[in-house]
Each structure stands twice: as structure tokens, then as C-alpha cells.
Amino acid sequence: MQTNFLTMQRTKQLKFDRAYLRIAREWGKLSHCNRRQVGALIVKDRMIISDGYNGTPTGFENPCEDEDGYTKWYVLHAEANAILKVAGSTQSCKGATLYITMSPCKDCSKLIHQSGITRLVYSIDYKDNSGLNFLEKAGVEIEQITELDG
């Protein structure tokens, strides 16, 4: 009986996780970056408290790449933008889940941990997994979902 309940809860959570990741994927399409568009959502108590996508800081030109096609050093990652939005609000990331289309880099993983996010759900692996390793060591629950439909 208990196992059935846990299976049903897990199935329900997976539906929510996929839905939030699909929203993050759509949000990433707002990015002006050509090389990679990444979207992020921060969810707490089944409420979206923040969103973000990779891009230049407010007041700067939108293109993320320079004339040689390299990403400008000051481009903010999606999860950093989402965390910064929360910092400027009355909300808190403590105990929240971060949904992001690509796993975080090592620099963003420090922001994720420090912000109080306790769960990370992502779809695509970043080129370097040191950010995930750091978050795992910090006790953040991590889940990868590659299939967003179903």
C-alpha cells in the first residue's frame, strides 16, 4: 500500500518536473544568444517564483556573442539571472527547486548552493560536470530528465 502511494507521488512529481522543464525550455528561446539558449525557473511550493535566461545585463546590447562568435565575458547565465531576480524581490530560494535546461557551470553552482536551492532538475549536460559534482557534495538533490514529453 505504501509503495503504491510512493509510486503515485513519484509519477505526479515527474509530470510536474517535465512541465517545468518545458516552460524553462520555452523561456530560453527568449535569449538573444546564438550559440546556446538556456532557460531557468525557480519553483517553491509549486509556484514559479523566478525565471531567467542567458543574456547580457540590463542596459547592454542584446547580442551575446562578439564579432568573432565568442560569448562576451559579461553574459549572465540563466540560473544567475533567475537567482538575482529573487534577490531583488520579497521571495526566498530557501528550499526551492531550480529547473534549468542545461546543467550549471561551476561558478553558477556556487550561487545555487548559496541561495538555498535544495533541488536541481535539468535536461542537457554542460561540457563540464564540476558544477554538478559541487552541488552533489553540498547536498543538493539532482535529477536529470532528458525526455520532456510523456
N, C-alpha and C. Protein backbone atom coordinates (compact mmCIF):
# COMPACT_ATOMS: atom_id res chain seq x y z
N MET A 1 0.83 -1.19 0.00
CA MET A 1 0.00 0.00 0.00
C MET A 1 0.87 1.26 0.00
N GLN A 2 1.87 1.32 0.89
CA GLN A 2 2.77 2.47 0.98
C GLN A 2 3.58 2.62 -0.31
N THR A 3 4.01 1.48 -0.90
CA THR A 3 4.78 1.51 -2.13
C THR A 3 3.95 2.09 -3.26
N ASN A 4 2.68 1.73 -3.34
CA ASN A 4 1.78 2.28 -4.34
C ASN A 4 1.66 3.79 -4.22
N PHE A 5 1.52 4.27 -3.00
CA PHE A 5 1.41 5.71 -2.74
C PHE A 5 2.68 6.42 -3.19
N LEU A 6 3.85 5.87 -2.84
CA LEU A 6 5.11 6.48 -3.23
C LEU A 6 5.30 6.49 -4.74
N THR A 7 4.88 5.41 -5.40
CA THR A 7 4.96 5.34 -6.86
C THR A 7 4.07 6.41 -7.49
N MET A 8 2.86 6.59 -6.95
CA MET A 8 1.94 7.60 -7.47
C MET A 8 2.50 9.00 -7.25
N GLN A 9 3.11 9.25 -6.09
CA GLN A 9 3.71 10.55 -5.80
C GLN A 9 4.87 10.84 -6.75
N ARG A 10 5.68 9.82 -7.00
CA ARG A 10 6.83 9.96 -7.90
C ARG A 10 6.37 10.24 -9.33
N THR A 11 5.33 9.57 -9.78
CA THR A 11 4.77 9.78 -11.11
C THR A 11 4.23 11.21 -11.23
N LYS A 12 3.54 11.67 -10.20
CA LYS A 12 2.99 13.02 -10.19
C LYS A 12 4.13 14.06 -10.22
N GLN A 13 5.17 13.83 -9.42
CA GLN A 13 6.31 14.75 -9.39
C GLN A 13 7.00 14.81 -10.75
N LEU A 14 7.15 13.66 -11.39
CA LEU A 14 7.79 13.60 -12.71
C LEU A 14 7.00 14.42 -13.73
N LYS A 15 5.67 14.37 -13.66
CA LYS A 15 4.83 15.18 -14.56
C LYS A 15 5.09 16.67 -14.35
N PHE A 16 5.16 17.09 -13.10
CA PHE A 16 5.45 18.49 -12.79
C PHE A 16 6.86 18.86 -13.25
N ASP A 17 7.82 17.99 -12.97
CA ASP A 17 9.22 18.26 -13.37
C ASP A 17 9.32 18.45 -14.88
N ARG A 18 8.69 17.58 -15.63
CA ARG A 18 8.73 17.71 -17.09
C ARG A 18 8.06 19.00 -17.55
N ALA A 19 6.93 19.33 -16.93
CA ALA A 19 6.21 20.55 -17.32
C ALA A 19 7.05 21.79 -17.04
N TYR A 20 7.68 21.85 -15.87
CA TYR A 20 8.52 23.00 -15.54
C TYR A 20 9.74 23.08 -16.46
N LEU A 21 10.31 21.94 -16.81
CA LEU A 21 11.45 21.94 -17.75
C LEU A 21 11.02 22.41 -19.15
N ARG A 22 9.81 22.03 -19.55
CA ARG A 22 9.31 22.51 -20.85
C ARG A 22 9.12 24.02 -20.83
N ILE A 23 8.63 24.55 -19.72
CA ILE A 23 8.49 26.01 -19.59
C ILE A 23 9.87 26.66 -19.63
N ALA A 24 10.83 26.09 -18.93
CA ALA A 24 12.20 26.63 -18.94
C ALA A 24 12.77 26.61 -20.36
N ARG A 25 12.50 25.56 -21.10
CA ARG A 25 12.98 25.48 -22.48
C ARG A 25 12.37 26.60 -23.32
N GLU A 26 11.08 26.84 -23.16
CA GLU A 26 10.41 27.93 -23.88
C GLU A 26 10.98 29.29 -23.46
N TRP A 27 11.24 29.44 -22.17
CA TRP A 27 11.78 30.70 -21.65
C TRP A 27 13.17 30.96 -22.25
N GLY A 28 13.94 29.91 -22.42
CA GLY A 28 15.27 30.03 -23.00
C GLY A 28 15.24 30.57 -24.42
N LYS A 29 14.15 30.34 -25.13
CA LYS A 29 14.01 30.84 -26.50
C LYS A 29 13.97 32.37 -26.56
N LEU A 30 13.78 33.02 -25.41
CA LEU A 30 13.79 34.49 -25.36
C LEU A 30 15.21 35.05 -25.39
N SER A 31 16.19 34.19 -25.17
CA SER A 31 17.59 34.62 -25.16
C SER A 31 18.03 35.10 -26.54
N HIS A 32 18.88 36.11 -26.54
CA HIS A 32 19.45 36.63 -27.78
C HIS A 32 20.79 35.97 -28.11
N CYS A 33 21.14 34.93 -27.37
CA CYS A 33 22.39 34.23 -27.61
C CYS A 33 22.23 33.28 -28.78
N ASN A 34 23.18 33.28 -29.68
CA ASN A 34 23.13 32.41 -30.86
C ASN A 34 23.71 31.03 -30.57
N ARG A 35 24.78 30.97 -29.79
CA ARG A 35 25.47 29.70 -29.55
C ARG A 35 24.64 28.74 -28.72
N ARG A 36 23.97 29.27 -27.71
CA ARG A 36 23.20 28.41 -26.81
C ARG A 36 22.14 29.25 -26.11
N GLN A 37 20.91 28.75 -26.10
CA GLN A 37 19.83 29.41 -25.39
C GLN A 37 19.45 28.54 -24.20
N VAL A 38 19.57 29.11 -23.00
CA VAL A 38 19.30 28.36 -21.78
C VAL A 38 18.22 29.09 -20.99
N GLY A 39 17.27 28.33 -20.47
CA GLY A 39 16.20 28.89 -19.65
C GLY A 39 16.20 28.26 -18.27
N ALA A 40 15.71 29.03 -17.28
CA ALA A 40 15.67 28.56 -15.90
C ALA A 40 14.39 29.02 -15.21
N LEU A 41 13.89 28.19 -14.31
CA LEU A 41 12.77 28.55 -13.44
C LEU A 41 13.13 28.17 -12.02
N ILE A 42 12.72 28.97 -11.07
CA ILE A 42 12.84 28.61 -9.67
C ILE A 42 11.43 28.42 -9.15
N VAL A 43 11.18 27.24 -8.58
CA VAL A 43 9.85 26.87 -8.13
C VAL A 43 9.90 26.53 -6.64
N LYS A 44 8.94 27.09 -5.93
CA LYS A 44 8.83 26.82 -4.49
C LYS A 44 7.37 26.59 -4.16
N ASP A 45 7.08 25.48 -3.51
CA ASP A 45 5.70 25.12 -3.16
C ASP A 45 4.80 25.15 -4.39
N ARG A 46 5.30 24.60 -5.49
CA ARG A 46 4.60 24.51 -6.78
C ARG A 46 4.22 25.87 -7.36
N MET A 47 4.96 26.89 -6.97
CA MET A 47 4.73 28.23 -7.51
C MET A 47 6.04 28.72 -8.14
N ILE A 48 5.97 29.21 -9.35
CA ILE A 48 7.15 29.77 -10.00
C ILE A 48 7.44 31.11 -9.34
N ILE A 49 8.61 31.21 -8.68
CA ILE A 49 8.96 32.46 -8.01
C ILE A 49 9.96 33.29 -8.80
N SER A 50 10.57 32.67 -9.83
CA SER A 50 11.51 33.42 -10.66
C SER A 50 11.77 32.67 -11.96
N ASP A 51 12.28 33.41 -12.91
CA ASP A 51 12.65 32.84 -14.21
C ASP A 51 13.86 33.58 -14.72
N GLY A 52 14.52 33.00 -15.67
CA GLY A 52 15.68 33.66 -16.26
C GLY A 52 16.13 32.95 -17.52
N TYR A 53 16.87 33.66 -18.32
CA TYR A 53 17.52 33.08 -19.48
C TYR A 53 18.86 33.75 -19.64
N ASN A 54 19.75 33.13 -20.39
CA ASN A 54 21.09 33.69 -20.53
C ASN A 54 21.04 34.93 -21.43
N GLY A 55 21.80 35.93 -21.03
CA GLY A 55 21.82 37.17 -21.79
C GLY A 55 22.68 38.22 -21.14
N THR A 56 22.77 39.35 -21.81
CA THR A 56 23.60 40.45 -21.32
C THR A 56 22.88 41.19 -20.19
N PRO A 57 23.61 41.90 -19.33
CA PRO A 57 22.98 42.66 -18.26
C PRO A 57 22.08 43.77 -18.79
N THR A 58 21.15 44.20 -17.97
CA THR A 58 20.24 45.30 -18.31
C THR A 58 21.03 46.51 -18.77
N GLY A 59 20.57 47.10 -19.87
CA GLY A 59 21.22 48.30 -20.39
C GLY A 59 22.31 48.04 -21.41
N PHE A 60 22.67 46.78 -21.62
CA PHE A 60 23.70 46.44 -22.61
C PHE A 60 23.02 45.93 -23.88
N GLU A 61 23.76 45.95 -24.98
CA GLU A 61 23.23 45.44 -26.25
C GLU A 61 22.85 43.97 -26.07
N ASN A 62 21.83 43.53 -26.81
CA ASN A 62 21.31 42.18 -26.64
C ASN A 62 22.21 41.06 -27.14
N PRO A 63 22.90 41.20 -28.26
CA PRO A 63 23.70 40.06 -28.74
C PRO A 63 24.72 39.58 -27.71
N CYS A 64 24.77 38.28 -27.54
CA CYS A 64 25.66 37.68 -26.53
C CYS A 64 27.06 37.41 -27.06
N GLU A 65 27.19 37.31 -28.39
CA GLU A 65 28.47 36.97 -28.98
C GLU A 65 29.12 38.20 -29.61
N ASP A 66 30.45 38.18 -29.62
CA ASP A 66 31.18 39.28 -30.27
C ASP A 66 31.26 39.00 -31.77
N GLU A 67 31.95 39.86 -32.50
CA GLU A 67 32.04 39.72 -33.96
C GLU A 67 32.77 38.45 -34.40
N ASP A 68 33.53 37.83 -33.49
CA ASP A 68 34.21 36.58 -33.81
C ASP A 68 33.40 35.34 -33.41
N GLY A 69 32.21 35.57 -32.85
CA GLY A 69 31.34 34.46 -32.45
C GLY A 69 31.56 33.95 -31.04
N TYR A 70 32.45 34.59 -30.28
CA TYR A 70 32.69 34.18 -28.90
C TYR A 70 31.71 34.86 -27.95
N THR A 71 31.31 34.14 -26.91
CA THR A 71 30.41 34.71 -25.92
C THR A 71 31.12 35.81 -25.16
N LYS A 72 30.45 36.95 -25.02
CA LYS A 72 31.02 38.08 -24.28
C LYS A 72 31.15 37.68 -22.81
N TRP A 73 32.23 38.12 -22.17
CA TRP A 73 32.53 37.69 -20.80
C TRP A 73 31.45 38.10 -19.80
N TYR A 74 30.70 39.13 -20.09
CA TYR A 74 29.74 39.64 -19.12
C TYR A 74 28.32 39.08 -19.29
N VAL A 75 28.15 38.11 -20.17
CA VAL A 75 26.84 37.47 -20.33
C VAL A 75 26.51 36.71 -19.05
N LEU A 76 25.29 36.90 -18.58
CA LEU A 76 24.82 36.20 -17.37
C LEU A 76 24.15 34.89 -17.76
N HIS A 77 24.40 33.86 -16.99
CA HIS A 77 23.77 32.57 -17.23
C HIS A 77 22.33 32.62 -16.73
N ALA A 78 21.50 31.73 -17.26
CA ALA A 78 20.07 31.71 -16.96
C ALA A 78 19.79 31.58 -15.45
N GLU A 79 20.51 30.66 -14.80
CA GLU A 79 20.26 30.43 -13.38
C GLU A 79 20.70 31.63 -12.53
N ALA A 80 21.77 32.30 -12.95
CA ALA A 80 22.21 33.50 -12.24
C ALA A 80 21.16 34.60 -12.37
N ASN A 81 20.61 34.77 -13.56
CA ASN A 81 19.55 35.76 -13.76
C ASN A 81 18.34 35.46 -12.89
N ALA A 82 17.94 34.19 -12.82
CA ALA A 82 16.78 33.81 -12.01
C ALA A 82 17.05 34.05 -10.52
N ILE A 83 18.23 33.69 -10.05
CA ILE A 83 18.58 33.88 -8.63
C ILE A 83 18.65 35.36 -8.30
N LEU A 84 19.21 36.16 -9.20
CA LEU A 84 19.29 37.61 -8.97
C LEU A 84 17.92 38.26 -8.91
N LYS A 85 16.97 37.75 -9.70
CA LYS A 85 15.59 38.28 -9.63
C LYS A 85 14.99 38.03 -8.26
N VAL A 86 15.23 36.85 -7.72
CA VAL A 86 14.70 36.53 -6.38
C VAL A 86 15.34 37.44 -5.34
N ALA A 87 16.65 37.67 -5.49
CA ALA A 87 17.36 38.52 -4.53
C ALA A 87 16.77 39.93 -4.49
N GLY A 88 16.21 40.38 -5.59
CA GLY A 88 15.62 41.71 -5.66
C GLY A 88 14.14 41.72 -5.35
N SER A 89 13.63 40.62 -4.81
CA SER A 89 12.20 40.53 -4.50
C SER A 89 12.00 40.21 -3.03
N THR A 90 10.77 39.93 -2.67
CA THR A 90 10.46 39.53 -1.29
C THR A 90 10.49 38.02 -1.12
N GLN A 91 10.77 37.29 -2.20
CA GLN A 91 10.82 35.83 -2.16
C GLN A 91 12.17 35.34 -1.64
N SER A 92 12.24 34.05 -1.39
CA SER A 92 13.47 33.40 -0.96
C SER A 92 13.63 32.08 -1.71
N CYS A 93 14.85 31.75 -2.04
CA CYS A 93 15.15 30.48 -2.72
C CYS A 93 15.27 29.32 -1.74
N LYS A 94 15.25 29.58 -0.45
CA LYS A 94 15.43 28.53 0.55
C LYS A 94 14.43 27.41 0.34
N GLY A 95 14.95 26.21 0.07
CA GLY A 95 14.10 25.04 -0.11
C GLY A 95 13.46 24.93 -1.49
N ALA A 96 13.85 25.77 -2.43
CA ALA A 96 13.25 25.77 -3.76
C ALA A 96 13.92 24.77 -4.68
N THR A 97 13.28 24.55 -5.83
CA THR A 97 13.82 23.71 -6.89
C THR A 97 14.17 24.60 -8.07
N LEU A 98 15.35 24.38 -8.64
CA LEU A 98 15.77 25.08 -9.84
C LEU A 98 15.60 24.14 -11.02
N TYR A 99 14.83 24.58 -12.00
CA TYR A 99 14.68 23.85 -13.26
C TYR A 99 15.48 24.59 -14.30
N ILE A 100 16.39 23.89 -14.96
CA ILE A 100 17.25 24.54 -15.94
C ILE A 100 17.48 23.60 -17.12
N THR A 101 17.52 24.17 -18.30
CA THR A 101 17.64 23.33 -19.49
C THR A 101 19.02 22.71 -19.64
N MET A 102 20.03 23.32 -19.05
CA MET A 102 21.40 22.78 -19.12
C MET A 102 22.00 22.78 -17.71
N SER A 103 22.75 21.75 -17.38
CA SER A 103 23.35 21.68 -16.05
C SER A 103 24.26 22.89 -15.81
N PRO A 104 24.38 23.30 -14.56
CA PRO A 104 25.11 24.54 -14.26
C PRO A 104 26.63 24.40 -14.35
N CYS A 105 27.28 25.52 -14.66
CA CYS A 105 28.74 25.59 -14.63
C CYS A 105 29.18 25.66 -13.17
N LYS A 106 30.48 25.60 -12.95
CA LYS A 106 30.99 25.62 -11.57
C LYS A 106 30.72 26.95 -10.87
N ASP A 107 30.76 28.07 -11.60
CA ASP A 107 30.50 29.36 -10.96
C ASP A 107 29.04 29.49 -10.54
N CYS A 108 28.13 29.09 -11.41
CA CYS A 108 26.71 29.17 -11.07
C CYS A 108 26.33 28.19 -9.97
N SER A 109 27.03 27.06 -9.90
CA SER A 109 26.71 26.09 -8.85
C SER A 109 26.94 26.69 -7.46
N LYS A 110 27.93 27.57 -7.35
CA LYS A 110 28.15 28.24 -6.05
C LYS A 110 26.97 29.14 -5.71
N LEU A 111 26.44 29.85 -6.70
CA LEU A 111 25.28 30.71 -6.48
C LEU A 111 24.05 29.88 -6.09
N ILE A 112 23.89 28.76 -6.76
CA ILE A 112 22.75 27.88 -6.48
C ILE A 112 22.79 27.41 -5.03
N HIS A 113 23.93 26.91 -4.62
CA HIS A 113 24.08 26.42 -3.24
C HIS A 113 23.88 27.56 -2.23
N GLN A 114 24.53 28.67 -2.47
CA GLN A 114 24.49 29.79 -1.53
C GLN A 114 23.08 30.39 -1.42
N SER A 115 22.29 30.27 -2.48
CA SER A 115 20.94 30.85 -2.47
C SER A 115 19.96 30.02 -1.66
N GLY A 116 20.31 28.78 -1.34
CA GLY A 116 19.43 27.93 -0.54
C GLY A 116 18.60 26.95 -1.35
N ILE A 117 18.82 26.90 -2.66
CA ILE A 117 18.11 25.94 -3.51
C ILE A 117 18.54 24.54 -3.09
N THR A 118 17.56 23.65 -2.90
CA THR A 118 17.85 22.31 -2.40
C THR A 118 17.67 21.20 -3.43
N ARG A 119 17.11 21.57 -4.58
CA ARG A 119 16.86 20.56 -5.61
C ARG A 119 17.13 21.18 -6.98
N LEU A 120 17.75 20.40 -7.85
CA LEU A 120 18.07 20.85 -9.21
C LEU A 120 17.56 19.79 -10.18
N VAL A 121 16.78 20.24 -11.16
CA VAL A 121 16.31 19.36 -12.23
C VAL A 121 16.76 19.99 -13.54
N TYR A 122 17.46 19.21 -14.35
CA TYR A 122 17.98 19.74 -15.61
C TYR A 122 17.80 18.72 -16.72
N SER A 123 18.03 19.19 -17.96
CA SER A 123 17.81 18.32 -19.11
C SER A 123 19.10 17.93 -19.81
N ILE A 124 19.92 18.91 -20.20
CA ILE A 124 21.11 18.66 -21.01
C ILE A 124 22.37 18.86 -20.16
N ASP A 125 23.37 18.02 -20.38
CA ASP A 125 24.65 18.15 -19.67
C ASP A 125 25.48 19.29 -20.25
N TYR A 126 26.07 20.08 -19.35
CA TYR A 126 27.05 21.09 -19.72
C TYR A 126 28.35 20.36 -20.04
N LYS A 127 29.27 21.02 -20.72
CA LYS A 127 30.53 20.38 -21.14
C LYS A 127 31.39 19.93 -19.98
N ASP A 128 31.18 20.50 -18.81
CA ASP A 128 31.99 20.22 -17.62
C ASP A 128 31.03 19.90 -16.47
N ASN A 129 31.24 18.78 -15.79
CA ASN A 129 30.31 18.40 -14.72
C ASN A 129 30.79 18.79 -13.32
N SER A 130 31.78 19.66 -13.23
CA SER A 130 32.27 20.05 -11.89
C SER A 130 31.21 20.82 -11.10
N GLY A 131 30.32 21.53 -11.78
CA GLY A 131 29.23 22.21 -11.09
C GLY A 131 28.28 21.23 -10.43
N LEU A 132 27.95 20.17 -11.16
CA LEU A 132 27.08 19.12 -10.59
C LEU A 132 27.77 18.41 -9.44
N ASN A 133 29.06 18.13 -9.59
CA ASN A 133 29.81 17.47 -8.52
C ASN A 133 29.81 18.31 -7.25
N PHE A 134 29.99 19.62 -7.41
CA PHE A 134 29.98 20.53 -6.26
C PHE A 134 28.61 20.50 -5.58
N LEU A 135 27.55 20.61 -6.36
CA LEU A 135 26.20 20.63 -5.78
C LEU A 135 25.86 19.32 -5.09
N GLU A 136 26.30 18.22 -5.67
CA GLU A 136 26.08 16.92 -5.04
C GLU A 136 26.79 16.87 -3.69
N LYS A 137 28.02 17.34 -3.65
CA LYS A 137 28.79 17.39 -2.40
C LYS A 137 28.12 18.31 -1.38
N ALA A 138 27.45 19.36 -1.86
CA ALA A 138 26.77 20.32 -0.98
C ALA A 138 25.41 19.80 -0.50
N GLY A 139 24.99 18.63 -1.01
CA GLY A 139 23.74 18.04 -0.54
C GLY A 139 22.51 18.43 -1.34
N VAL A 140 22.71 19.04 -2.50
CA VAL A 140 21.59 19.40 -3.36
C VAL A 140 21.12 18.15 -4.10
N GLU A 141 19.82 17.90 -4.07
CA GLU A 141 19.24 16.77 -4.80
C GLU A 141 19.27 17.12 -6.29
N ILE A 142 19.80 16.21 -7.10
CA ILE A 142 19.98 16.48 -8.53
C ILE A 142 19.28 15.40 -9.34
N GLU A 143 18.55 15.84 -10.36
CA GLU A 143 17.88 14.90 -11.24
C GLU A 143 17.99 15.40 -12.68
N GLN A 144 18.33 14.47 -13.57
CA GLN A 144 18.37 14.79 -14.99
C GLN A 144 17.18 14.12 -15.67
N ILE A 145 16.45 14.92 -16.45
CA ILE A 145 15.34 14.41 -17.23
C ILE A 145 15.59 14.81 -18.67
N THR A 146 15.88 13.83 -19.50
CA THR A 146 16.20 14.13 -20.90
C THR A 146 14.97 14.08 -21.78
N GLU A 147 13.99 13.27 -21.41
CA GLU A 147 12.76 13.15 -22.18
C GLU A 147 11.70 14.04 -21.55
N LEU A 148 11.33 15.13 -22.22
CA LEU A 148 10.41 16.10 -21.64
C LEU A 148 8.96 15.84 -21.97
N ASP A 149 8.70 14.97 -22.92
CA ASP A 149 7.32 14.64 -23.26
C ASP A 149 6.97 13.29 -22.65
N GLY A 150 5.71 13.14 -22.29
CA GLY A 150 5.28 11.85 -21.75
C GLY A 150 4.79 11.94 -20.35
